[in-house]
Amino acid sequence: MTDSLKKQIQEKQGQEGFIKVTDGPISGLTAAQKAVLNRKGNELFNQGNIAGAQKIFRATGYSDGLSRIGDFYRGKNCPLDALKEYYLAHNRAKAEAIYESLAKAVQHRLHNDESCNG
């Protein structure tokens, strides 16, 4: 994605953007509590309970789990849901890949609209 397009998107989305910042981890959990919850989240994920795992991974801020949830959504062709999980996981590489594909889609659409209007 070009830097100017990325900057324009960031300016348009404002402070909150497309992703609620309230979806961050719960403060005050001990490392031991997080470990127990993350194990439960992994168990739920492996059983196919994506929503349950997602809630736990968001609560603990478990970046690997959030990235796996993002991969799940990306595989289901839900790029915005995937982007949210990658954002919460601080997984820039995977988020950037989605930004790129979204930018290409917008550019394609804009190009097609221009050719139809003139």
C-alpha atoms as a PDB file:
ATOM      1  CA  MET A   1       0.000   0.000   0.000  1.00  0.00           C
ATOM      2  CA  THR A   2       1.327   3.408  -0.788  1.00  0.00           C
ATOM      3  CA  ASP A   3       2.247   5.573   2.162  1.00  0.00           C
ATOM      4  CA  SER A   4      -0.161   8.308   1.062  1.00  0.00           C
ATOM      5  CA  LEU A   5      -3.114   5.884   0.841  1.00  0.00           C
ATOM      6  CA  LYS A   6      -2.261   4.413   4.227  1.00  0.00           C
ATOM      7  CA  LYS A   7      -2.030   7.908   5.715  1.00  0.00           C
ATOM      8  CA  GLN A   8      -5.398   8.869   4.204  1.00  0.00           C
ATOM      9  CA  ILE A   9      -7.064   5.779   5.670  1.00  0.00           C
ATOM     10  CA  GLN A  10      -5.561   6.463   9.085  1.00  0.00           C
ATOM     11  CA  GLU A  11      -6.722  10.089   8.995  1.00  0.00           C
ATOM     12  CA  LYS A  12     -10.274   9.110   7.976  1.00  0.00           C
ATOM     13  CA  GLN A  13     -10.698   6.477  10.660  1.00  0.00           C
ATOM     14  CA  GLY A  14      -9.933   8.896  13.499  1.00  0.00           C
ATOM     15  CA  GLN A  15      -8.705   7.959  16.948  1.00  0.00           C
ATOM     16  CA  GLU A  16     -10.767   4.822  17.434  1.00  0.00           C
ATOM     17  CA  GLY A  17     -10.558   3.584  13.855  1.00  0.00           C
ATOM     18  CA  PHE A  18     -12.320   0.420  12.813  1.00  0.00           C
ATOM     19  CA  ILE A  19     -11.184  -1.515  15.865  1.00  0.00           C
ATOM     20  CA  LYS A  20     -12.511  -0.862  19.345  1.00  0.00           C
ATOM     21  CA  VAL A  21      -9.638  -0.229  21.709  1.00  0.00           C
ATOM     22  CA  THR A  22     -11.707  -1.625  24.575  1.00  0.00           C
ATOM     23  CA  ASP A  23     -11.041  -5.133  23.237  1.00  0.00           C
ATOM     24  CA  GLY A  24      -7.623  -5.157  24.874  1.00  0.00           C
ATOM     25  CA  PRO A  25      -6.473  -7.500  27.633  1.00  0.00           C
ATOM     26  CA  ILE A  26      -7.769  -7.374  31.179  1.00  0.00           C
ATOM     27  CA  SER A  27      -5.329  -5.708  33.532  1.00  0.00           C
ATOM     28  CA  GLY A  28      -4.456  -7.325  36.819  1.00  0.00           C
ATOM     29  CA  LEU A  29      -4.187 -10.935  35.661  1.00  0.00           C
ATOM     30  CA  THR A  30      -1.144 -12.712  37.017  1.00  0.00           C
ATOM     31  CA  ALA A  31       1.163 -14.688  34.748  1.00  0.00           C
ATOM     32  CA  ALA A  32      -0.172 -17.899  36.288  1.00  0.00           C
ATOM     33  CA  GLN A  33      -3.783 -16.885  35.643  1.00  0.00           C
ATOM     34  CA  LYS A  34      -2.948 -15.996  32.049  1.00  0.00           C
ATOM     35  CA  ALA A  35      -1.245 -19.352  31.530  1.00  0.00           C
ATOM     36  CA  VAL A  36      -4.289 -21.253  32.805  1.00  0.00           C
ATOM     37  CA  LEU A  37      -6.653 -19.203  30.679  1.00  0.00           C
ATOM     38  CA  ASN A  38      -4.458 -19.505  27.580  1.00  0.00           C
ATOM     39  CA  ARG A  39      -4.360 -23.298  27.957  1.00  0.00           C
ATOM     40  CA  LYS A  40      -8.160 -23.295  28.149  1.00  0.00           C
ATOM     41  CA  GLY A  41      -8.309 -21.015  25.101  1.00  0.00           C
ATOM     42  CA  ASN A  42      -6.018 -23.359  23.156  1.00  0.00           C
ATOM     43  CA  GLU A  43      -8.218 -26.283  24.144  1.00  0.00           C
ATOM     44  CA  LEU A  44     -11.354 -24.465  22.960  1.00  0.00           C
ATOM     45  CA  PHE A  45      -9.658 -23.463  19.711  1.00  0.00           C
ATOM     46  CA  ASN A  46      -8.595 -27.038  19.019  1.00  0.00           C
ATOM     47  CA  GLN A  47     -12.172 -28.193  19.674  1.00  0.00           C
ATOM     48  CA  GLY A  48     -13.450 -25.671  17.128  1.00  0.00           C
ATOM     49  CA  ASN A  49     -14.950 -23.280  19.681  1.00  0.00           C
ATOM     50  CA  ILE A  50     -13.452 -20.207  18.029  1.00  0.00           C
ATOM     51  CA  ALA A  51     -15.692 -17.689  19.811  1.00  0.00           C
ATOM     52  CA  GLY A  52     -14.803 -19.093  23.237  1.00  0.00           C
ATOM     53  CA  ALA A  53     -11.104 -19.131  22.453  1.00  0.00           C
ATOM     54  CA  GLN A  54     -11.316 -15.616  21.051  1.00  0.00           C
ATOM     55  CA  LYS A  55     -12.839 -14.252  24.268  1.00  0.00           C
ATOM     56  CA  ILE A  56     -10.092 -15.807  26.355  1.00  0.00           C
ATOM     57  CA  PHE A  57      -7.250 -14.717  24.062  1.00  0.00           C
ATOM     58  CA  ARG A  58      -8.574 -11.157  24.018  1.00  0.00           C
ATOM     59  CA  ALA A  59      -8.906 -11.147  27.807  1.00  0.00           C
ATOM     60  CA  THR A  60      -5.324 -12.317  28.281  1.00  0.00           C
ATOM     61  CA  GLY A  61      -3.819 -10.499  25.304  1.00  0.00           C
ATOM     62  CA  TYR A  62      -2.294 -13.772  24.062  1.00  0.00           C
ATOM     63  CA  SER A  63      -0.809 -12.674  20.748  1.00  0.00           C
ATOM     64  CA  ASP A  64      -0.166 -16.148  19.329  1.00  0.00           C
ATOM     65  CA  GLY A  65      -3.751 -17.177  20.017  1.00  0.00           C
ATOM     66  CA  LEU A  66      -5.109 -13.946  18.548  1.00  0.00           C
ATOM     67  CA  SER A  67      -3.003 -14.480  15.429  1.00  0.00           C
ATOM     68  CA  ARG A  68      -4.409 -17.999  15.067  1.00  0.00           C
ATOM     69  CA  ILE A  69      -7.923 -16.597  15.380  1.00  0.00           C
ATOM     70  CA  GLY A  70      -6.988 -14.084  12.682  1.00  0.00           C
ATOM     71  CA  ASP A  71      -5.698 -16.912  10.489  1.00  0.00           C
ATOM     72  CA  PHE A  72      -9.002 -18.719  11.005  1.00  0.00           C
ATOM     73  CA  TYR A  73     -10.992 -15.670   9.855  1.00  0.00           C
ATOM     74  CA  ARG A  74      -8.668 -15.063   6.937  1.00  0.00           C
ATOM     75  CA  GLY A  75      -9.197 -18.666   5.859  1.00  0.00           C
ATOM     76  CA  LYS A  76     -12.956 -18.060   5.997  1.00  0.00           C
ATOM     77  CA  ASN A  77     -12.481 -15.026   3.705  1.00  0.00           C
ATOM     78  CA  CYS A  78     -13.353 -12.544   6.473  1.00  0.00           C
ATOM     79  CA  PRO A  79     -10.432 -10.115   6.138  1.00  0.00           C
ATOM     80  CA  LEU A  80     -11.782  -7.389   8.428  1.00  0.00           C
ATOM     81  CA  ASP A  81     -12.348  -9.872  11.249  1.00  0.00           C
ATOM     82  CA  ALA A  82      -8.865 -11.237  10.643  1.00  0.00           C
ATOM     83  CA  LEU A  83      -7.428  -7.715  10.631  1.00  0.00           C
ATOM     84  CA  LYS A  84      -8.948  -6.981  14.027  1.00  0.00           C
ATOM     85  CA  GLU A  85      -7.341 -10.052  15.577  1.00  0.00           C
ATOM     86  CA  TYR A  86      -3.956  -9.313  13.967  1.00  0.00           C
ATOM     87  CA  TYR A  87      -4.208  -5.725  15.224  1.00  0.00           C
ATOM     88  CA  LEU A  88      -4.964  -6.872  18.773  1.00  0.00           C
ATOM     89  CA  ALA A  89      -2.079  -9.378  18.522  1.00  0.00           C
ATOM     90  CA  HIS A  90       0.288  -6.619  17.356  1.00  0.00           C
ATOM     91  CA  ASN A  91       1.024  -8.807  14.330  1.00  0.00           C
ATOM     92  CA  ARG A  92       2.089  -6.120  11.874  1.00  0.00           C
ATOM     93  CA  ALA A  93       3.201  -8.460   9.101  1.00  0.00           C
ATOM     94  CA  LYS A  94      -0.173 -10.185   8.785  1.00  0.00           C
ATOM     95  CA  ALA A  95      -2.092  -6.923   9.241  1.00  0.00           C
ATOM     96  CA  GLU A  96      -0.025  -5.263   6.498  1.00  0.00           C
ATOM     97  CA  ALA A  97      -0.847  -8.095   4.099  1.00  0.00           C
ATOM     98  CA  ILE A  98      -4.559  -7.419   4.611  1.00  0.00           C
ATOM     99  CA  TYR A  99      -4.052  -3.665   4.249  1.00  0.00           C
ATOM    100  CA  GLU A 100      -2.340  -4.384   0.922  1.00  0.00           C
ATOM    101  CA  SER A 101      -5.158  -6.572  -0.377  1.00  0.00           C
ATOM    102  CA  LEU A 102      -7.797  -4.063   0.731  1.00  0.00           C
ATOM    103  CA  ALA A 103      -5.885  -1.229  -0.931  1.00  0.00           C
ATOM    104  CA  LYS A 104      -5.687  -3.214  -4.173  1.00  0.00           C
ATOM    105  CA  ALA A 105      -9.413  -3.863  -4.065  1.00  0.00           C
ATOM    106  CA  VAL A 106     -10.160  -0.169  -3.519  1.00  0.00           C
ATOM    107  CA  GLN A 107      -7.748   0.855  -6.277  1.00  0.00           C
ATOM    108  CA  HIS A 108      -9.328  -1.654  -8.656  1.00  0.00           C
ATOM    109  CA  ARG A 109     -12.794  -0.364  -7.842  1.00  0.00           C
ATOM    110  CA  LEU A 110     -11.738   3.263  -8.276  1.00  0.00           C
ATOM    111  CA  HIS A 111     -10.088   2.472 -11.590  1.00  0.00           C
ATOM    112  CA  ASN A 112     -13.207   0.717 -12.872  1.00  0.00           C
ATOM    113  CA  ASP A 113     -15.455   3.577 -11.741  1.00  0.00           C
ATOM    114  CA  GLU A 114     -13.259   6.126 -13.526  1.00  0.00           C
ATOM    115  CA  SER A 115     -13.342   4.206 -16.789  1.00  0.00           C
ATOM    116  CA  CYS A 116     -17.142   3.962 -16.680  1.00  0.00           C
ATOM    117  CA  ASN A 117     -17.635   7.679 -16.068  1.00  0.00           C
ATOM    118  CA  GLY A 118     -15.520   9.148 -18.693  1.00  0.00           C
END
